Amino acid sequence: LQINPDGSQEKIVLEKQKQIRDFTISENKLYVLSEGLQVLDLLQTERLFTQLKEAGDSDQGASNLNSFGPYLYLVNRNKRNIYRYYYRNEQLSEPIGWLIDKQGISFEQINDLSVDGDLWLTTKTGQVMKFSKGEKVDFQIRGLNDLPNSPLYINTTEQLDRLAVLEKQKQRLLILTKDGQLINEIKSNELAGVSSLAFDLSGQKVFALSGSVIYEINL
């Protein structure tokens, strides 16, 4: 479903799609990770997906897809790397292994991914990791007594100096600056069922998807 700010909805038909492992939107294009990669131009009235690449080594077993401008980032646990593609003029580049320094990364523990120019990974054990140009950058959460220790979900955008970090097990949403300082800790029983987060354009709200319900959280 494409849900607009006025509450109107549009169903996007996924013809002949197998199981969708992840999707991302960038520059008015919807990218889908399934058997390979597909793209849909959201500005076109005709809702047709185009196959960007057939299933191959770079996306086989991958489960996390995110984007930044014309770049697509894909976490492949089997290959122990993050692959980056460049999509422009209806052409997709060959995948490039983006990580330079893999030390200290347990690929089996990666839980979520967000890209804002830098790349952010969260783990099943409560870590938030920041990478810039393929190398890990020091990042620590500050101002929080009870640090995360269970799976985390993350969302951010280039325009905001904020991270939204969800810890479902503790039913809380952490709003952090990008240097790790706690801004706000929001606790609610409803957060236990949330599977996806998104900031609004102003950074003053977070939308949280839980089953068939979307919550609007005013910050």
Protein backbone atom coordinates (compact mmCIF):
# COMPACT_ATOMS: atom_id res chain seq x y z
CA LEU A 1 0.00 0.00 0.00
CA GLN A 2 1.05 3.54 -0.73
CA ILE A 3 -0.52 5.68 2.02
CA ASN A 4 -0.59 9.43 1.42
CA PRO A 5 -0.50 12.21 4.06
CA ASP A 6 -4.21 12.89 3.52
CA GLY A 7 -5.01 9.26 4.41
CA SER A 8 -5.81 8.15 0.87
CA GLN A 9 -4.40 4.79 -0.16
CA GLU A 10 -3.29 3.11 -3.33
CA LYS A 11 -2.61 -0.57 -3.79
CA ILE A 12 0.49 -1.46 -5.80
CA VAL A 13 0.05 -4.87 -7.41
CA LEU A 14 3.11 -7.08 -7.20
CA GLU A 15 2.50 -9.32 -10.18
CA LYS A 16 4.47 -12.57 -10.35
CA GLN A 17 6.45 -11.57 -7.27
CA LYS A 18 7.79 -14.24 -5.00
CA GLN A 19 8.42 -13.54 -1.34
CA ILE A 20 9.55 -9.94 -0.79
CA ARG A 21 12.51 -9.86 1.56
CA ASP A 22 12.82 -6.07 1.78
CA PHE A 23 12.06 -2.85 -0.10
CA THR A 24 13.26 0.75 -0.15
CA ILE A 25 12.25 4.06 -1.77
CA SER A 26 14.66 6.62 -3.20
CA GLU A 27 14.20 9.43 -5.72
CA ASN A 28 10.53 8.42 -6.27
CA LYS A 29 11.46 4.86 -7.12
CA LEU A 30 10.41 1.74 -5.24
CA TYR A 31 13.04 -1.00 -5.18
CA VAL A 32 12.11 -4.54 -4.18
CA LEU A 33 14.41 -7.37 -3.10
CA SER A 34 12.85 -10.68 -4.11
CA GLU A 35 14.25 -13.03 -6.74
CA GLY A 36 16.85 -10.45 -7.77
CA LEU A 37 15.99 -6.73 -7.75
CA GLN A 38 12.98 -4.95 -9.28
CA VAL A 39 12.14 -1.25 -9.57
CA LEU A 40 8.88 0.71 -9.94
CA ASP A 41 8.77 4.40 -10.89
CA LEU A 42 6.22 5.92 -8.49
CA LEU A 43 5.72 8.99 -10.71
CA GLN A 44 4.39 6.92 -13.60
CA THR A 45 0.66 6.26 -13.79
CA GLU A 46 1.28 2.77 -15.14
CA ARG A 47 2.33 0.61 -12.19
CA LEU A 48 4.75 -1.84 -13.77
CA PHE A 49 7.85 -3.32 -12.18
CA THR A 50 11.07 -3.61 -14.18
CA GLN A 51 13.55 -6.39 -13.44
CA LEU A 52 16.90 -4.74 -12.64
CA LYS A 53 18.81 -7.95 -12.13
CA GLU A 54 18.11 -11.64 -11.94
CA ALA A 55 18.94 -13.53 -8.76
CA GLY A 56 22.69 -13.90 -8.38
CA ASP A 57 25.57 -14.21 -5.93
CA SER A 58 25.35 -10.68 -4.56
CA ASP A 59 21.69 -10.92 -3.53
CA GLN A 60 21.38 -14.64 -2.84
CA GLY A 61 20.45 -15.02 0.83
CA ALA A 62 20.35 -11.24 1.33
CA SER A 63 17.59 -9.83 3.53
CA ASN A 64 18.26 -6.10 4.10
CA LEU A 65 17.95 -3.47 1.37
CA ASN A 66 18.30 0.31 1.73
CA SER A 67 19.06 3.26 -0.54
CA PHE A 68 20.64 6.69 -0.70
CA GLY A 69 20.11 8.74 -3.85
CA PRO A 70 20.98 6.50 -6.84
CA TYR A 71 22.80 3.97 -4.62
CA LEU A 72 21.37 0.70 -3.33
CA TYR A 73 22.90 -1.09 -0.34
CA LEU A 74 22.30 -4.76 0.33
CA VAL A 75 23.45 -6.82 3.34
CA ASN A 76 24.54 -10.32 2.37
CA ARG A 77 25.28 -12.45 5.42
CA ASN A 78 26.39 -15.44 3.33
CA LYS A 79 29.04 -13.40 1.52
CA ARG A 80 29.92 -11.44 4.68
CA ASN A 81 29.70 -8.09 2.96
CA ILE A 82 27.49 -5.14 2.08
CA TYR A 83 27.08 -4.74 -1.68
CA ARG A 84 26.46 -1.37 -3.30
CA TYR A 85 24.83 -0.81 -6.69
CA TYR A 86 24.47 2.39 -8.69
CA TYR A 87 21.25 2.91 -10.66
CA ARG A 88 21.03 5.69 -13.24
CA ASN A 89 19.40 6.05 -16.67
CA GLU A 90 17.66 2.70 -16.24
CA GLN A 91 21.00 0.93 -15.86
CA LEU A 92 22.18 -0.95 -12.77
CA SER A 93 25.90 -1.23 -12.12
CA GLU A 94 27.69 -4.38 -11.11
CA PRO A 95 27.75 -4.92 -7.33
CA ILE A 96 30.73 -3.62 -5.39
CA GLY A 97 31.75 -5.00 -2.00
CA TRP A 98 31.37 -1.81 0.04
CA LEU A 99 32.90 -2.75 3.38
CA ILE A 100 36.62 -2.12 3.73
CA ASP A 101 36.95 -3.08 7.39
CA LYS A 102 34.87 -6.10 8.47
CA GLN A 103 36.57 -6.54 11.84
CA GLY A 104 34.19 -6.89 14.74
CA ILE A 105 31.12 -7.44 12.54
CA SER A 106 29.07 -10.57 13.21
CA PHE A 107 26.97 -10.78 10.04
CA GLU A 108 24.65 -13.34 11.60
CA GLN A 109 23.69 -10.75 14.23
CA ILE A 110 22.78 -7.90 11.83
CA ASN A 111 19.14 -6.95 12.31
CA ASP A 112 18.48 -3.71 10.39
CA LEU A 113 20.04 -1.15 8.05
CA SER A 114 19.58 2.56 7.27
CA VAL A 115 21.64 4.84 5.01
CA ASP A 116 21.86 8.63 5.12
CA GLY A 117 25.22 9.12 3.42
CA ASP A 118 26.75 7.18 6.29
CA LEU A 119 25.56 3.63 6.84
CA TRP A 120 23.96 2.45 10.09
CA LEU A 121 23.61 -1.17 11.18
CA THR A 122 21.83 -2.54 14.23
CA THR A 123 22.25 -5.99 15.72
CA LYS A 124 20.19 -8.62 17.51
CA THR A 125 22.24 -7.96 20.64
CA GLY A 126 21.47 -4.24 20.91
CA GLN A 127 24.37 -2.58 19.08
CA VAL A 128 24.21 0.45 16.82
CA MET A 129 27.14 0.62 14.39
CA LYS A 130 28.09 3.51 12.12
CA PHE A 131 30.14 3.20 8.92
CA SER A 132 31.53 5.89 6.66
CA LYS A 133 33.12 5.13 3.27
CA GLY A 134 33.25 1.44 4.12
CA GLU A 135 34.96 1.79 7.49
CA LYS A 136 33.57 1.65 11.00
CA VAL A 137 33.28 4.94 12.90
CA ASP A 138 33.18 5.14 16.69
CA PHE A 139 29.60 5.47 17.95
CA GLN A 140 28.31 5.18 21.50
CA ILE A 141 24.86 5.85 22.96
CA ARG A 142 25.14 8.49 25.69
CA GLY A 143 22.69 9.65 28.35
CA LEU A 144 20.86 6.32 28.65
CA ASN A 145 21.23 4.24 31.82
CA ASP A 146 19.62 1.05 30.49
CA LEU A 147 21.53 0.36 27.28
CA PRO A 148 19.91 -1.89 24.62
CA ASN A 149 20.66 -5.62 24.71
CA SER A 150 18.06 -7.08 22.30
CA PRO A 151 17.25 -6.69 18.56
CA LEU A 152 17.12 -3.09 17.31
CA TYR A 153 15.45 -1.43 14.32
CA ILE A 154 16.69 1.91 12.97
CA ASN A 155 15.58 4.75 10.70
CA THR A 156 17.17 8.05 9.72
CA THR A 157 17.40 10.40 6.74
CA GLU A 158 20.04 12.70 5.31
CA GLN A 159 18.02 15.81 6.22
CA LEU A 160 17.81 15.06 9.96
CA ASP A 161 20.38 14.99 12.75
CA ARG A 162 18.35 12.23 14.42
CA LEU A 163 18.18 8.48 14.67
CA ALA A 164 15.03 6.56 15.59
CA VAL A 165 16.02 3.28 17.28
CA LEU A 166 13.36 0.77 18.31
CA GLU A 167 13.90 -1.92 20.94
CA LYS A 168 10.75 -4.04 20.77
CA GLN A 169 11.64 -6.31 23.65
CA LYS A 170 11.77 -3.35 26.04
CA GLN A 171 8.83 -1.63 24.31
CA ARG A 172 10.71 1.61 23.76
CA LEU A 173 11.71 4.03 21.03
CA LEU A 174 14.98 5.93 21.41
CA ILE A 175 15.51 9.24 19.62
CA LEU A 176 19.23 9.97 19.38
CA THR A 177 21.44 12.58 17.77
CA LYS A 178 23.82 11.19 15.18
CA ASP A 179 26.70 11.52 17.64
CA GLY A 180 24.84 9.25 20.08
CA GLN A 181 23.25 11.66 22.57
CA LEU A 182 19.83 10.60 23.86
CA ILE A 183 17.08 13.13 23.02
CA ASN A 184 14.05 11.16 24.11
CA GLU A 185 13.01 7.70 25.32
CA ILE A 186 9.41 6.79 24.53
CA LYS A 187 7.85 3.73 26.17
CA SER A 188 4.58 2.12 25.13
CA ASN A 189 3.11 -1.40 25.10
CA GLU A 190 2.13 -0.84 21.45
CA LEU A 191 5.81 -0.74 20.44
CA ALA A 192 6.16 -4.48 21.14
CA GLY A 193 4.51 -5.30 17.80
CA VAL A 194 6.21 -2.69 15.59
CA SER A 195 8.19 -4.00 12.62
CA SER A 196 9.14 -0.82 10.73
CA LEU A 197 9.85 2.89 11.42
CA ALA A 198 9.93 6.07 9.34
CA PHE A 199 10.51 9.73 10.18
CA ASP A 200 8.27 12.32 8.58
CA LEU A 201 9.99 15.06 6.56
CA SER A 202 10.08 17.51 9.50
CA GLY A 203 11.66 15.04 11.92
CA GLN A 204 8.97 15.86 14.46
CA LYS A 205 7.06 12.59 13.99
CA VAL A 206 7.83 8.92 13.63
CA PHE A 207 5.45 6.52 11.90
CA ALA A 208 5.50 2.98 13.29
CA LEU A 209 3.97 -0.01 11.51
CA SER A 210 2.50 -2.74 13.71
CA GLY A 211 0.60 -5.43 11.83
CA SER A 212 -2.16 -3.57 9.97
CA VAL A 213 -1.94 -0.48 12.23
CA ILE A 214 0.22 2.59 11.66
CA TYR A 215 0.98 4.68 14.74
CA GLU A 216 1.94 8.35 14.56
CA ILE A 217 4.36 9.28 17.35
CA ASN A 218 4.77 12.99 18.03
CA LEU A 219 8.25 13.79 19.25
